[in-house]
C-alpha atoms as a PDB file:
ATOM      1  CA  MET A   1     -38.454  -9.739  44.661  1.00  0.00           C
ATOM      2  CA  ASP A   2     -37.847 -10.660  40.962  1.00  0.00           C
ATOM      3  CA  THR A   3     -34.182 -10.518  40.125  1.00  0.00           C
ATOM      4  CA  LEU A   4     -34.630 -11.929  37.193  1.00  0.00           C
ATOM      5  CA  GLY A   5     -36.479  -9.169  35.875  1.00  0.00           C
ATOM      6  CA  SER A   6     -34.400  -6.720  37.879  1.00  0.00           C
ATOM      7  CA  ALA A   7     -31.291  -7.766  35.842  1.00  0.00           C
ATOM      8  CA  GLN A   8     -33.285  -7.045  32.368  1.00  0.00           C
ATOM      9  CA  GLU A   9     -33.824  -3.712  33.387  1.00  0.00           C
ATOM     10  CA  PRO A  10     -31.973  -1.611  30.957  1.00  0.00           C
ATOM     11  CA  LEU A  11     -28.539   0.933  32.143  1.00  0.00           C
ATOM     12  CA  SER A  12     -29.213   4.216  32.812  1.00  0.00           C
ATOM     13  CA  PRO A  13     -27.202   7.094  31.484  1.00  0.00           C
ATOM     14  CA  LYS A  14     -25.273   7.530  34.372  1.00  0.00           C
ATOM     15  CA  GLN A  15     -24.347   4.010  35.010  1.00  0.00           C
ATOM     16  CA  VAL A  16     -22.998   3.337  30.841  1.00  0.00           C
ATOM     17  CA  LEU A  17     -20.606   6.438  31.449  1.00  0.00           C
ATOM     18  CA  GLU A  18     -19.746   4.876  35.190  1.00  0.00           C
ATOM     19  CA  GLN A  19     -18.748   1.661  32.668  1.00  0.00           C
ATOM     20  CA  ILE A  20     -16.752   3.335  30.382  1.00  0.00           C
ATOM     21  CA  LYS A  21     -15.191   5.161  32.651  1.00  0.00           C
ATOM     22  CA  ARG A  22     -14.189   2.135  34.597  1.00  0.00           C
ATOM     23  CA  GLU A  23     -12.925   0.272  31.081  1.00  0.00           C
ATOM     24  CA  TYR A  24     -10.830   3.649  30.753  1.00  0.00           C
ATOM     25  CA  GLU A  25      -9.180   3.298  33.772  1.00  0.00           C
ATOM     26  CA  GLN A  26      -8.854  -0.531  32.991  1.00  0.00           C
ATOM     27  CA  THR A  27      -6.806   0.217  29.635  1.00  0.00           C
ATOM     28  CA  GLN A  28      -4.799   2.906  30.670  1.00  0.00           C
ATOM     29  CA  LYS A  29      -3.534  -0.084  33.454  1.00  0.00           C
ATOM     30  CA  GLU A  30      -2.824  -2.271  30.360  1.00  0.00           C
ATOM     31  CA  LEU A  31      -1.351   0.158  28.362  1.00  0.00           C
ATOM     32  CA  LYS A  32       1.578   0.389  31.155  1.00  0.00           C
ATOM     33  CA  GLU A  33       1.621  -2.890  31.618  1.00  0.00           C
ATOM     34  CA  LEU A  34       2.255  -3.344  27.577  1.00  0.00           C
ATOM     35  CA  GLN A  35       4.555  -0.803  27.710  1.00  0.00           C
ATOM     36  CA  LEU A  36       6.909  -2.626  29.782  1.00  0.00           C
ATOM     37  CA  LEU A  37       6.508  -6.043  28.255  1.00  0.00           C
ATOM     38  CA  ILE A  38       7.582  -3.974  24.743  1.00  0.00           C
ATOM     39  CA  GLU A  39      10.594  -2.303  26.590  1.00  0.00           C
ATOM     40  CA  GLN A  40      11.507  -5.668  27.119  1.00  0.00           C
ATOM     41  CA  SER A  41      11.143  -7.583  24.061  1.00  0.00           C
ATOM     42  CA  SER A  42      12.799  -5.026  21.978  1.00  0.00           C
ATOM     43  CA  ILE A  43      16.081  -5.298  24.406  1.00  0.00           C
ATOM     44  CA  GLU A  44      15.843  -9.300  23.508  1.00  0.00           C
ATOM     45  CA  VAL A  45      15.006  -8.924  20.008  1.00  0.00           C
ATOM     46  CA  GLU A  46      18.165  -6.894  19.579  1.00  0.00           C
ATOM     47  CA  LYS A  47      20.431  -9.405  21.129  1.00  0.00           C
ATOM     48  CA  LEU A  48      18.591 -12.174  18.920  1.00  0.00           C
ATOM     49  CA  ALA A  49      19.611  -9.719  15.773  1.00  0.00           C
ATOM     50  CA  GLN A  50      23.776  -9.372  17.203  1.00  0.00           C
ATOM     51  CA  ARG A  51      23.056 -13.355  18.120  1.00  0.00           C
ATOM     52  CA  ASN A  52      21.537 -13.837  14.594  1.00  0.00           C
ATOM     53  CA  THR A  53      24.378 -11.258  12.507  1.00  0.00           C
ATOM     54  CA  GLN A  54      27.059 -13.668  14.127  1.00  0.00           C
ATOM     55  CA  VAL A  55      25.705 -16.628  13.230  1.00  0.00           C
ATOM     56  CA  VAL A  56      25.207 -15.614   9.207  1.00  0.00           C
ATOM     57  CA  ASN A  57      28.650 -14.090   9.137  1.00  0.00           C
ATOM     58  CA  LYS A  58      30.117 -17.674  10.392  1.00  0.00           C
ATOM     59  CA  LEU A  59      28.004 -19.516   7.871  1.00  0.00           C
ATOM     60  CA  HIS A  60      29.042 -17.563   5.049  1.00  0.00           C
ATOM     61  CA  GLN A  61      32.606 -18.255   5.937  1.00  0.00           C
ATOM     62  CA  MET A  62      31.857 -22.172   5.982  1.00  0.00           C
ATOM     63  CA  GLU A  63      30.187 -21.376   2.727  1.00  0.00           C
ATOM     64  CA  ALA A  64      33.288 -20.162   0.930  1.00  0.00           C
ATOM     65  CA  SER A  65      35.193 -23.497   1.770  1.00  0.00           C
ATOM     66  CA  LEU A  66      32.325 -25.963   1.891  1.00  0.00           C
ATOM     67  CA  ASP A  67      34.166 -28.473  -0.179  1.00  0.00           C
ATOM     68  CA  THR A  68      36.757 -28.924   3.235  1.00  0.00           C
ATOM     69  CA  VAL A  69      33.526 -28.607   6.162  1.00  0.00           C
ATOM     70  CA  PRO A  70      32.886 -32.156   7.102  1.00  0.00           C
ATOM     71  CA  ARG A  71      29.012 -32.909   6.465  1.00  0.00           C
ATOM     72  CA  GLN A  72      27.839 -33.142   9.969  1.00  0.00           C
ATOM     73  CA  ASP A  73      29.499 -29.287  10.595  1.00  0.00           C
ATOM     74  CA  ILE A  74      27.416 -27.914   7.802  1.00  0.00           C
ATOM     75  CA  LYS A  75      24.352 -29.533   9.242  1.00  0.00           C
ATOM     76  CA  GLU A  76      24.834 -28.169  12.667  1.00  0.00           C
ATOM     77  CA  MET A  77      25.999 -24.623  10.943  1.00  0.00           C
ATOM     78  CA  TYR A  78      22.414 -24.498   9.469  1.00  0.00           C
ATOM     79  CA  THR A  79      20.277 -25.895  11.879  1.00  0.00           C
ATOM     80  CA  THR A  80      22.087 -23.236  14.177  1.00  0.00           C
ATOM     81  CA  ALA A  81      21.208 -20.808  11.584  1.00  0.00           C
ATOM     82  CA  GLN A  82      17.737 -21.975  11.272  1.00  0.00           C
ATOM     83  CA  GLU A  83      16.999 -21.880  15.144  1.00  0.00           C
ATOM     84  CA  ALA A  84      18.358 -17.958  15.336  1.00  0.00           C
ATOM     85  CA  GLN A  85      16.444 -16.959  12.597  1.00  0.00           C
ATOM     86  CA  MET A  86      13.868 -18.811  13.797  1.00  0.00           C
ATOM     87  CA  ARG A  87      14.008 -17.299  17.535  1.00  0.00           C
ATOM     88  CA  LEU A  88      14.563 -14.159  15.957  1.00  0.00           C
ATOM     89  CA  PHE A  89      11.946 -14.363  13.894  1.00  0.00           C
ATOM     90  CA  THR A  90       9.508 -15.569  16.947  1.00  0.00           C
ATOM     91  CA  MET A  91      10.844 -12.835  18.473  1.00  0.00           C
ATOM     92  CA  HIS A  92      10.194  -9.996  16.389  1.00  0.00           C
ATOM     93  CA  GLY A  93       6.395 -11.460  15.768  1.00  0.00           C
ATOM     94  CA  GLN A  94       5.865 -10.976  19.200  1.00  0.00           C
ATOM     95  CA  LEU A  95       6.908  -7.552  19.797  1.00  0.00           C
ATOM     96  CA  GLU A  96       4.807  -6.479  16.755  1.00  0.00           C
ATOM     97  CA  GLN A  97       1.765  -8.428  18.170  1.00  0.00           C
ATOM     98  CA  LEU A  98       2.430  -6.267  21.326  1.00  0.00           C
ATOM     99  CA  GLN A  99       3.039  -2.875  19.515  1.00  0.00           C
ATOM    100  CA  GLY A 100      -0.003  -3.515  17.536  1.00  0.00           C
ATOM    101  CA  LYS A 101      -1.843  -4.429  20.626  1.00  0.00           C
ATOM    102  CA  GLN A 102      -0.857  -0.922  22.231  1.00  0.00           C
ATOM    103  CA  GLN A 103      -2.403   0.764  18.975  1.00  0.00           C
ATOM    104  CA  LEU A 104      -5.227  -0.621  19.470  1.00  0.00           C
ATOM    105  CA  LEU A 105      -5.518   0.118  22.954  1.00  0.00           C
ATOM    106  CA  GLN A 106      -4.353   3.864  22.391  1.00  0.00           C
ATOM    107  CA  ARG A 107      -7.337   3.859  20.055  1.00  0.00           C
ATOM    108  CA  HIS A 108      -9.654   2.474  21.875  1.00  0.00           C
ATOM    109  CA  ALA A 109      -8.763   4.583  24.995  1.00  0.00           C
ATOM    110  CA  GLN A 110      -9.250   7.626  22.939  1.00  0.00           C
ATOM    111  CA  ILE A 111     -12.370   6.844  21.653  1.00  0.00           C
ATOM    112  CA  LEU A 112     -13.044   6.352  25.733  1.00  0.00           C
ATOM    113  CA  GLN A 113     -11.825   9.507  26.310  1.00  0.00           C
ATOM    114  CA  GLN A 114     -13.833  11.340  23.885  1.00  0.00           C
ATOM    115  CA  VAL A 115     -16.926  10.037  24.757  1.00  0.00           C
ATOM    116  CA  LEU A 116     -16.250  10.773  28.518  1.00  0.00           C
ATOM    117  CA  GLU A 117     -15.240  14.461  27.348  1.00  0.00           C
ATOM    118  CA  VAL A 118     -18.334  14.962  25.437  1.00  0.00           C
ATOM    119  CA  ALA A 119     -19.975  13.685  28.381  1.00  0.00           C
ATOM    120  CA  GLY A 120     -18.929  15.777  30.649  1.00  0.00           C
ATOM    121  CA  GLU A 121     -19.285  18.669  28.325  1.00  0.00           C
ATOM    122  CA  LEU A 122     -23.361  18.094  28.612  1.00  0.00           C
ATOM    123  CA  GLY A 123     -23.005  18.052  32.399  1.00  0.00           C
ATOM    124  CA  ALA A 124     -24.699  15.890  35.083  1.00  0.00           C
ATOM    125  CA  PRO A 125     -27.344  12.652  33.563  1.00  0.00           C
ATOM    126  CA  LYS A 126     -30.643  13.845  33.138  1.00  0.00           C
ATOM    127  CA  ALA A 127     -33.344  13.087  36.566  1.00  0.00           C
ATOM    128  CA  ALA A 128     -35.798  10.088  35.981  1.00  0.00           C
ATOM    129  CA  GLY A 129     -37.984  10.218  33.452  1.00  0.00           C
ATOM    130  CA  GLU A 130     -36.039  12.993  31.111  1.00  0.00           C
ATOM    131  CA  ALA A 131     -32.988  10.005  31.005  1.00  0.00           C
ATOM    132  CA  GLU A 132     -31.219  10.667  27.458  1.00  0.00           C
ATOM    133  CA  ASP A 133     -32.112   7.593  24.967  1.00  0.00           C
ATOM    134  CA  LEU A 134     -29.651   4.642  24.954  1.00  0.00           C
ATOM    135  CA  GLY A 135     -31.165   2.915  21.885  1.00  0.00           C
ATOM    136  CA  GLU A 136     -29.761   1.698  18.604  1.00  0.00           C
ATOM    137  CA  GLY A 137     -29.438   5.851  17.494  1.00  0.00           C
ATOM    138  CA  SER A 138     -27.922   7.499  20.842  1.00  0.00           C
ATOM    139  CA  SER A 139     -24.579   9.047  20.081  1.00  0.00           C
ATOM    140  CA  ILE A 140     -23.299   6.656  22.885  1.00  0.00           C
ATOM    141  CA  VAL A 141     -24.482   3.315  21.470  1.00  0.00           C
ATOM    142  CA  ARG A 142     -23.190   4.331  18.124  1.00  0.00           C
ATOM    143  CA  VAL A 143     -19.582   4.902  19.250  1.00  0.00           C
ATOM    144  CA  ILE A 144     -18.927   1.827  20.608  1.00  0.00           C
ATOM    145  CA  ASN A 145     -20.869  -0.528  17.886  1.00  0.00           C
ATOM    146  CA  ALA A 146     -18.869   1.489  15.186  1.00  0.00           C
ATOM    147  CA  GLN A 147     -15.819   0.643  17.685  1.00  0.00           C
ATOM    148  CA  GLU A 148     -16.772  -3.127  18.125  1.00  0.00           C
ATOM    149  CA  SER A 149     -16.847  -3.045  14.396  1.00  0.00           C
ATOM    150  CA  GLU A 150     -13.524  -1.586  14.178  1.00  0.00           C
ATOM    151  CA  ARG A 151     -12.343  -4.184  16.036  1.00  0.00           C
ATOM    152  CA  GLN A 152     -13.631  -7.655  13.961  1.00  0.00           C
ATOM    153  CA  ARG A 153     -12.791  -6.052  10.859  1.00  0.00           C
ATOM    154  CA  LEU A 154      -8.812  -5.767  12.054  1.00  0.00           C
ATOM    155  CA  ALA A 155      -9.042  -9.364  14.245  1.00  0.00           C
ATOM    156  CA  ARG A 156     -10.192 -10.692  10.287  1.00  0.00           C
ATOM    157  CA  GLN A 157      -7.638  -8.915   8.547  1.00  0.00           C
ATOM    158  CA  MET A 158      -4.977 -10.151  11.130  1.00  0.00           C
ATOM    159  CA  HIS A 159      -6.253 -13.703  10.557  1.00  0.00           C
ATOM    160  CA  ASP A 160      -6.402 -13.431   6.930  1.00  0.00           C
ATOM    161  CA  GLY A 161      -3.170 -11.958   6.585  1.00  0.00           C
ATOM    162  CA  PRO A 162       0.101 -11.993   8.832  1.00  0.00           C
ATOM    163  CA  ALA A 163      -1.537 -15.613  11.128  1.00  0.00           C
ATOM    164  CA  GLN A 164      -2.151 -17.053   7.917  1.00  0.00           C
ATOM    165  CA  SER A 165       1.585 -16.309   6.561  1.00  0.00           C
ATOM    166  CA  LEU A 166       2.969 -16.990  10.093  1.00  0.00           C
ATOM    167  CA  THR A 167       1.485 -20.485   9.742  1.00  0.00           C
ATOM    168  CA  ASN A 168       2.627 -20.827   6.249  1.00  0.00           C
ATOM    169  CA  LEU A 169       6.060 -20.115   7.602  1.00  0.00           C
ATOM    170  CA  ILE A 170       5.976 -22.572  10.443  1.00  0.00           C
ATOM    171  CA  LEU A 171       5.004 -25.425   7.628  1.00  0.00           C
ATOM    172  CA  GLN A 172       7.741 -24.449   5.307  1.00  0.00           C
ATOM    173  CA  ALA A 173      10.601 -24.615   7.958  1.00  0.00           C
ATOM    174  CA  GLU A 174       9.449 -28.155   9.268  1.00  0.00           C
ATOM    175  CA  ILE A 175      10.011 -29.066   5.400  1.00  0.00           C
ATOM    176  CA  CYS A 176      13.410 -27.643   5.597  1.00  0.00           C
ATOM    177  CA  GLU A 177      14.315 -29.755   8.446  1.00  0.00           C
ATOM    178  CA  ARG A 178      13.351 -32.828   6.875  1.00  0.00           C
ATOM    179  CA  LEU A 179      15.119 -32.261   3.682  1.00  0.00           C
ATOM    180  CA  PHE A 180      18.356 -31.754   5.415  1.00  0.00           C
ATOM    181  CA  ASP A 181      19.509 -35.318   5.319  1.00  0.00           C
ATOM    182  CA  SER A 182      17.739 -36.563   2.814  1.00  0.00           C
ATOM    183  CA  ASP A 183      18.131 -33.358  -0.235  1.00  0.00           C
ATOM    184  CA  PRO A 184      20.650 -31.066   1.300  1.00  0.00           C
ATOM    185  CA  ALA A 185      20.387 -29.281  -1.949  1.00  0.00           C
ATOM    186  CA  ARG A 186      16.739 -28.558  -1.829  1.00  0.00           C
ATOM    187  CA  ALA A 187      16.677 -27.887   1.695  1.00  0.00           C
ATOM    188  CA  ARG A 188      19.384 -25.001   0.172  1.00  0.00           C
ATOM    189  CA  ALA A 189      16.498 -24.353  -2.539  1.00  0.00           C
ATOM    190  CA  GLU A 190      13.337 -24.268   0.391  1.00  0.00           C
ATOM    191  CA  LEU A 191      15.586 -22.092   2.835  1.00  0.00           C
ATOM    192  CA  ALA A 192      16.075 -19.835  -0.035  1.00  0.00           C
ATOM    193  CA  GLU A 193      12.088 -19.721  -0.765  1.00  0.00           C
ATOM    194  CA  LEU A 194      11.664 -19.314   3.165  1.00  0.00           C
ATOM    195  CA  LYS A 195      13.766 -15.997   3.399  1.00  0.00           C
ATOM    196  CA  GLU A 196      12.026 -14.581   0.919  1.00  0.00           C
ATOM    197  CA  ALA A 197       8.445 -15.392   2.223  1.00  0.00           C
ATOM    198  CA  VAL A 198      10.202 -14.294   5.606  1.00  0.00           C
ATOM    199  CA  ASN A 199      10.722 -11.078   4.309  1.00  0.00           C
ATOM    200  CA  HIS A 200       7.629 -10.667   2.604  1.00  0.00           C
ATOM    201  CA  THR A 201       5.198 -11.400   5.563  1.00  0.00           C
ATOM    202  CA  PHE A 202       7.727  -8.859   7.512  1.00  0.00           C
ATOM    203  CA  GLN A 203       6.740  -6.054   4.949  1.00  0.00           C
ATOM    204  CA  LYS A 204       2.865  -7.195   4.928  1.00  0.00           C
ATOM    205  CA  VAL A 205       3.402  -6.790   8.951  1.00  0.00           C
ATOM    206  CA  ARG A 206       4.872  -3.267   8.396  1.00  0.00           C
ATOM    207  CA  GLU A 207       1.921  -2.154   6.224  1.00  0.00           C
ATOM    208  CA  PHE A 208      -0.572  -3.313   8.335  1.00  0.00           C
ATOM    209  CA  ILE A 209       0.974  -1.353  11.100  1.00  0.00           C
ATOM    210  CA  PHE A 210       1.418   1.364   9.549  1.00  0.00           C
ATOM    211  CA  ASP A 211      -2.745   1.533   8.709  1.00  0.00           C
ATOM    212  CA  LEU A 212      -3.358   0.542  11.793  1.00  0.00           C
ATOM    213  CA  ARG A 213      -1.497   3.230  13.479  1.00  0.00           C
ATOM    214  CA  PRO A 214       1.512   5.154  11.396  1.00  0.00           C
ATOM    215  CA  MET A 215       4.194   5.856  13.934  1.00  0.00           C
ATOM    216  CA  MET A 216       5.175   8.554  11.812  1.00  0.00           C
ATOM    217  CA  LEU A 217       2.121  10.666  13.000  1.00  0.00           C
ATOM    218  CA  ASP A 218       3.512  10.440  16.444  1.00  0.00           C
ATOM    219  CA  ASP A 219       7.101  11.756  14.975  1.00  0.00           C
ATOM    220  CA  LEU A 220       6.560  13.867  12.642  1.00  0.00           C
ATOM    221  CA  GLY A 221       3.053  15.226  11.947  1.00  0.00           C
ATOM    222  CA  LEU A 222      -0.042  15.063   9.550  1.00  0.00           C
ATOM    223  CA  ASN A 223       2.014  16.397   6.584  1.00  0.00           C
ATOM    224  CA  PRO A 224       4.605  14.259   6.191  1.00  0.00           C
ATOM    225  CA  THR A 225       2.017  11.305   7.267  1.00  0.00           C
ATOM    226  CA  LEU A 226      -0.608  11.713   4.602  1.00  0.00           C
ATOM    227  CA  ARG A 227       2.029  11.938   1.897  1.00  0.00           C
ATOM    228  CA  ARG A 228       3.544   8.715   2.662  1.00  0.00           C
ATOM    229  CA  TYR A 229       0.104   7.216   3.149  1.00  0.00           C
ATOM    230  CA  ILE A 230      -1.181   8.696  -0.526  1.00  0.00           C
ATOM    231  CA  GLN A 231       1.940   7.538  -2.002  1.00  0.00           C
ATOM    232  CA  ASP A 232       1.245   3.650  -0.796  1.00  0.00           C
ATOM    233  CA  PHE A 233      -2.279   4.433  -1.701  1.00  0.00           C
ATOM    234  CA  GLN A 234      -1.521   5.165  -5.126  1.00  0.00           C
ATOM    235  CA  ALA A 235       1.217   2.368  -5.596  1.00  0.00           C
ATOM    236  CA  LYS A 236      -1.194  -0.445  -4.527  1.00  0.00           C
ATOM    237  CA  SER A 237      -4.804   0.662  -5.699  1.00  0.00           C
ATOM    238  CA  GLY A 238      -3.412   1.959  -9.020  1.00  0.00           C
ATOM    239  CA  ILE A 239      -5.622   4.731  -8.887  1.00  0.00           C
ATOM    240  CA  VAL A 240      -4.020   8.841  -9.445  1.00  0.00           C
ATOM    241  CA  CYS A 241      -4.208  10.517  -6.049  1.00  0.00           C
ATOM    242  CA  ASN A 242      -2.779  13.890  -5.806  1.00  0.00           C
ATOM    243  CA  LEU A 243      -1.841  16.099  -2.987  1.00  0.00           C
ATOM    244  CA  SER A 244      -2.349  19.623  -2.060  1.00  0.00           C
ATOM    245  CA  ILE A 245      -1.062  21.309   1.070  1.00  0.00           C
ATOM    246  CA  THR A 246      -1.527  25.127   1.304  1.00  0.00           C
ATOM    247  CA  GLY A 247      -0.992  27.317   4.822  1.00  0.00           C
ATOM    248  CA  LYS A 248       1.922  27.180   7.574  1.00  0.00           C
ATOM    249  CA  GLU A 249       3.530  23.639   8.157  1.00  0.00           C
ATOM    250  CA  GLN A 250       2.558  23.113  12.054  1.00  0.00           C
ATOM    251  CA  ARG A 251       2.046  20.444  14.363  1.00  0.00           C
ATOM    252  CA  LEU A 252      -1.437  20.033  15.453  1.00  0.00           C
ATOM    253  CA  PRO A 253      -3.096  18.641  18.390  1.00  0.00           C
ATOM    254  CA  ALA A 254      -2.673  15.016  18.774  1.00  0.00           C
ATOM    255  CA  HIS A 255      -6.299  14.249  18.782  1.00  0.00           C
ATOM    256  CA  THR A 256      -6.823  16.450  15.377  1.00  0.00           C
ATOM    257  CA  GLU A 257      -4.000  14.761  13.856  1.00  0.00           C
ATOM    258  CA  VAL A 258      -5.980  11.666  14.170  1.00  0.00           C
ATOM    259  CA  THR A 259      -8.952  12.302  13.321  1.00  0.00           C
ATOM    260  CA  VAL A 260      -7.656  14.012  10.041  1.00  0.00           C
ATOM    261  CA  PHE A 261      -5.814  11.014   9.158  1.00  0.00           C
ATOM    262  CA  ARG A 262      -8.534   8.817   9.765  1.00  0.00           C
ATOM    263  CA  VAL A 263     -10.896  10.669   8.135  1.00  0.00           C
ATOM    264  CA  VAL A 264      -8.667  10.744   4.950  1.00  0.00           C
ATOM    265  CA  GLN A 265      -8.144   7.142   4.700  1.00  0.00           C
ATOM    266  CA  GLY A 266     -11.521   5.934   5.059  1.00  0.00           C
ATOM    267  CA  LEU A 267     -12.726   8.130   2.574  1.00  0.00           C
ATOM    268  CA  LEU A 268      -9.569   7.154  -0.071  1.00  0.00           C
ATOM    269  CA  ASN A 269     -10.775   3.244   1.212  1.00  0.00           C
ATOM    270  CA  ASN A 270     -14.163   3.965   0.228  1.00  0.00           C
ATOM    271  CA  VAL A 271     -12.685   5.480  -3.278  1.00  0.00           C
ATOM    272  CA  ARG A 272     -10.988   2.257  -3.842  1.00  0.00           C
ATOM    273  CA  GLN A 273     -13.879  -0.370  -2.735  1.00  0.00           C
ATOM    274  CA  HIS A 274     -16.615   1.433  -4.039  1.00  0.00           C
ATOM    275  CA  ALA A 275     -15.980   4.661  -6.646  1.00  0.00           C
ATOM    276  CA  SER A 276     -14.523   3.134  -9.607  1.00  0.00           C
ATOM    277  CA  ALA A 277     -12.259   6.231  -9.536  1.00  0.00           C
ATOM    278  CA  THR A 278      -9.503   6.976 -11.658  1.00  0.00           C
ATOM    279  CA  GLN A 279      -8.581   9.708  -9.859  1.00  0.00           C
ATOM    280  CA  VAL A 280      -8.817  11.193  -6.580  1.00  0.00           C
ATOM    281  CA  ASN A 281      -7.415  14.903  -4.819  1.00  0.00           C
ATOM    282  CA  VAL A 282      -6.613  15.119  -1.597  1.00  0.00           C
ATOM    283  CA  SER A 283      -5.923  18.957  -0.263  1.00  0.00           C
ATOM    284  CA  LEU A 284      -5.590  20.355   3.325  1.00  0.00           C
ATOM    285  CA  ALA A 285      -5.728  24.092   4.111  1.00  0.00           C
ATOM    286  CA  LEU A 286      -4.878  25.399   7.428  1.00  0.00           C
ATOM    287  CA  GLY A 287      -5.749  28.995   7.954  1.00  0.00           C
ATOM    288  CA  PRO A 288      -7.016  31.777  10.358  1.00  0.00           C
ATOM    289  CA  ASP A 289     -10.522  30.173  11.040  1.00  0.00           C
ATOM    290  CA  GLY A 290      -9.316  26.214  11.146  1.00  0.00           C
ATOM    291  CA  LEU A 291      -8.329  23.295   9.070  1.00  0.00           C
ATOM    292  CA  ASN A 292      -9.973  22.738   5.690  1.00  0.00           C
ATOM    293  CA  VAL A 293      -9.718  19.217   4.284  1.00  0.00           C
ATOM    294  CA  SER A 294     -11.219  17.877   0.812  1.00  0.00           C
ATOM    295  CA  VAL A 295     -11.352  15.045  -0.867  1.00  0.00           C
ATOM    296  CA  GLU A 296     -12.685  14.562  -4.672  1.00  0.00           C
ATOM    297  CA  ASP A 297     -12.809  11.690  -6.631  1.00  0.00           C
ATOM    298  CA  ASP A 298     -14.126  10.927 -10.363  1.00  0.00           C
ATOM    299  CA  GLY A 299     -15.771   8.265  -9.807  1.00  0.00           C
ATOM    300  CA  ALA A 300     -19.253   6.402  -9.763  1.00  0.00           C
ATOM    301  CA  GLY A 301     -20.700   8.842  -6.846  1.00  0.00           C
ATOM    302  CA  PHE A 302     -24.049   7.778  -4.649  1.00  0.00           C
ATOM    303  CA  ASP A 303     -27.382   8.820  -3.759  1.00  0.00           C
ATOM    304  CA  LEU A 304     -27.008  11.349  -0.937  1.00  0.00           C
ATOM    305  CA  SER A 305     -30.068  10.082   0.634  1.00  0.00           C
ATOM    306  CA  THR A 306     -28.676   7.268   2.348  1.00  0.00           C
ATOM    307  CA  LEU A 307     -26.905  10.320   4.384  1.00  0.00           C
ATOM    308  CA  ALA A 308     -29.991  11.900   5.654  1.00  0.00           C
ATOM    309  CA  PRO A 309     -30.199  13.470   8.898  1.00  0.00           C
ATOM    310  CA  GLY A 310     -31.825  10.887  11.538  1.00  0.00           C
ATOM    311  CA  ASP A 311     -30.976   8.183   9.668  1.00  0.00           C
ATOM    312  CA  ALA A 312     -27.683   6.974  11.671  1.00  0.00           C
ATOM    313  CA  GLN A 313     -29.604   3.115  11.813  1.00  0.00           C
ATOM    314  CA  HIS A 314     -28.770   2.687   7.954  1.00  0.00           C
ATOM    315  CA  LYS A 315     -25.908   4.847   7.353  1.00  0.00           C
ATOM    316  CA  PRO A 316     -22.400   3.011   6.240  1.00  0.00           C
ATOM    317  CA  THR A 317     -20.426   2.320   9.526  1.00  0.00           C
ATOM    318  CA  GLY A 318     -17.313   3.762   8.781  1.00  0.00           C
ATOM    319  CA  ILE A 319     -19.144   7.203   7.602  1.00  0.00           C
ATOM    320  CA  LEU A 320     -20.829   7.060  10.644  1.00  0.00           C
ATOM    321  CA  MET A 321     -17.640   6.616  12.505  1.00  0.00           C
ATOM    322  CA  MET A 322     -16.160   9.340  10.916  1.00  0.00           C
ATOM    323  CA  MET A 323     -19.085  12.339  11.697  1.00  0.00           C
ATOM    324  CA  GLU A 324     -19.240  10.804  15.212  1.00  0.00           C
ATOM    325  CA  GLN A 325     -15.473  11.459  15.392  1.00  0.00           C
ATOM    326  CA  VAL A 326     -15.611  15.332  13.865  1.00  0.00           C
ATOM    327  CA  GLU A 327     -18.954  16.397  15.289  1.00  0.00           C
ATOM    328  CA  MET A 328     -17.011  15.602  18.865  1.00  0.00           C
ATOM    329  CA  LEU A 329     -14.417  18.115  17.759  1.00  0.00           C
ATOM    330  CA  GLY A 330     -16.437  20.264  17.006  1.00  0.00           C
ATOM    331  CA  GLY A 331     -16.429  19.990  12.878  1.00  0.00           C
ATOM    332  CA  GLN A 332     -18.302  19.124  10.234  1.00  0.00           C
ATOM    333  CA  LEU A 333     -18.417  17.098   7.570  1.00  0.00           C
ATOM    334  CA  HIS A 334     -20.314  17.674   4.078  1.00  0.00           C
ATOM    335  CA  PHE A 335     -20.316  15.271   1.134  1.00  0.00           C
ATOM    336  CA  ASP A 336     -21.232  16.215  -2.163  1.00  0.00           C
ATOM    337  CA  SER A 337     -22.303  13.636  -4.729  1.00  0.00           C
ATOM    338  CA  SER A 338     -25.031  12.298  -6.875  1.00  0.00           C
ATOM    339  CA  PRO A 339     -24.632   9.006  -9.253  1.00  0.00           C
ATOM    340  CA  GLY A 340     -22.377   9.072 -12.295  1.00  0.00           C
ATOM    341  CA  ARG A 341     -20.695  12.473 -11.270  1.00  0.00           C
ATOM    342  CA  GLY A 342     -18.427  11.117  -8.525  1.00  0.00           C
ATOM    343  CA  THR A 343     -17.996  12.576  -4.946  1.00  0.00           C
ATOM    344  CA  ARG A 344     -16.000  15.598  -3.197  1.00  0.00           C
ATOM    345  CA  VAL A 345     -16.351  15.487   0.843  1.00  0.00           C
ATOM    346  CA  GLN A 346     -15.455  18.447   2.844  1.00  0.00           C
ATOM    347  CA  LEU A 347     -13.813  18.233   6.482  1.00  0.00           C
ATOM    348  CA  ARG A 348     -13.739  21.469   8.584  1.00  0.00           C
ATOM    349  CA  LEU A 349     -12.075  21.771  11.988  1.00  0.00           C
ATOM    350  CA  PRO A 350     -11.873  24.348  14.519  1.00  0.00           C
ATOM    351  CA  VAL A 351      -8.039  24.664  15.123  1.00  0.00           C
END
C-alpha cells in the first residue's frame, strides 16, 4: 500500500467537522484551566497592590524628612519600592495576558460553535461522490482562513505594541538601578519617566483589550458598548462620528450583540484606514422585524464589483468574515457605494 499517497488524500467533510469538534472540546477545556489561573492571578495582584500601597506610603513619609534619613536607608527604600512596583506590574501584565488569551479562546470557541451549528442545521454529510467541496471557496475553509488571519493580526499588534513597550520598560528600569549610586537625582528623574511610561503602556493594553473584547459588552450590553467605542473612535481618528439608537433598548442574545459590535467595529476600521472620510453616521434600530444597523460615511467609496457574488477569493478578508458571521445568524449585509460618493452599509438581523 502506498501510505504516502494515502496521507495526502484530502479530508472528507465528516473528517473536517470531527476535527473542528475535537478542537472545540479542547478549547473549552483550556478555557476552564485559564479561568482558574485568572482567579489565582487576580488574588495575587490584589495582594501585591496592597503591598505596593504600603511601600509607597512609607516612601512618601521618608521623602518628607529626606535630609535626616541615612543615604543607605534611602537607597534601600527606593529599591524596595521599585521591586514592589515591578512585581505588581509583572503580575498585572501576566493577568492581562491571561485575560487576553481567554478572550481570544472565547472568540475562537464561538466561531467553532457557529460552524458546528451550521453543519448540524445542514444535516449529515453527503454521500461519497456528493461530498461538499472543501476548496478555497467553501464556507468552512473561508471561516477558518479568516480566523487565522485575525490571529496573525492580533499577534502582530501585540508584538508591535504592548510587548515592545514592556521591553523598553525593563531597559529603563535597569538604567534607574545603575544610576542609584552614581547619580541619585537623575535616578529619581528616570523613575518619574518610568512611572509615566508604565501608565501609558497600561492604558494602551487596556485599549487593546477593549478592542479585542470589551468587558462592558457582557456586563452592560450592545448599546452602551457602542456609545463608548464610537466616542473612542472619534477621539483617536479625528473623524466626526454620530450614533443614533432608536427602538426599545434591551439585551439581545450574546451571539447577536457580539456579531453586531464586530461588524460595526470592522466597518469603522475600514472607514479610518481606507475611506478618507470626515464624517460617519451609525444608526441602530430595534423593531418588531428585527435589528437594523446602518454605517454611512462621506469618504472615497469603492467599486462594488469587488464584492460580486461568487468572487469570495478576491473579497477583502474582513468583509468576508463579516458576511459569514451575519449569514450564519440568518441576516443580510448590504453594501451601497461607488468611487467618489462614500459608502453605506446596512445590516439586518432577525431577533
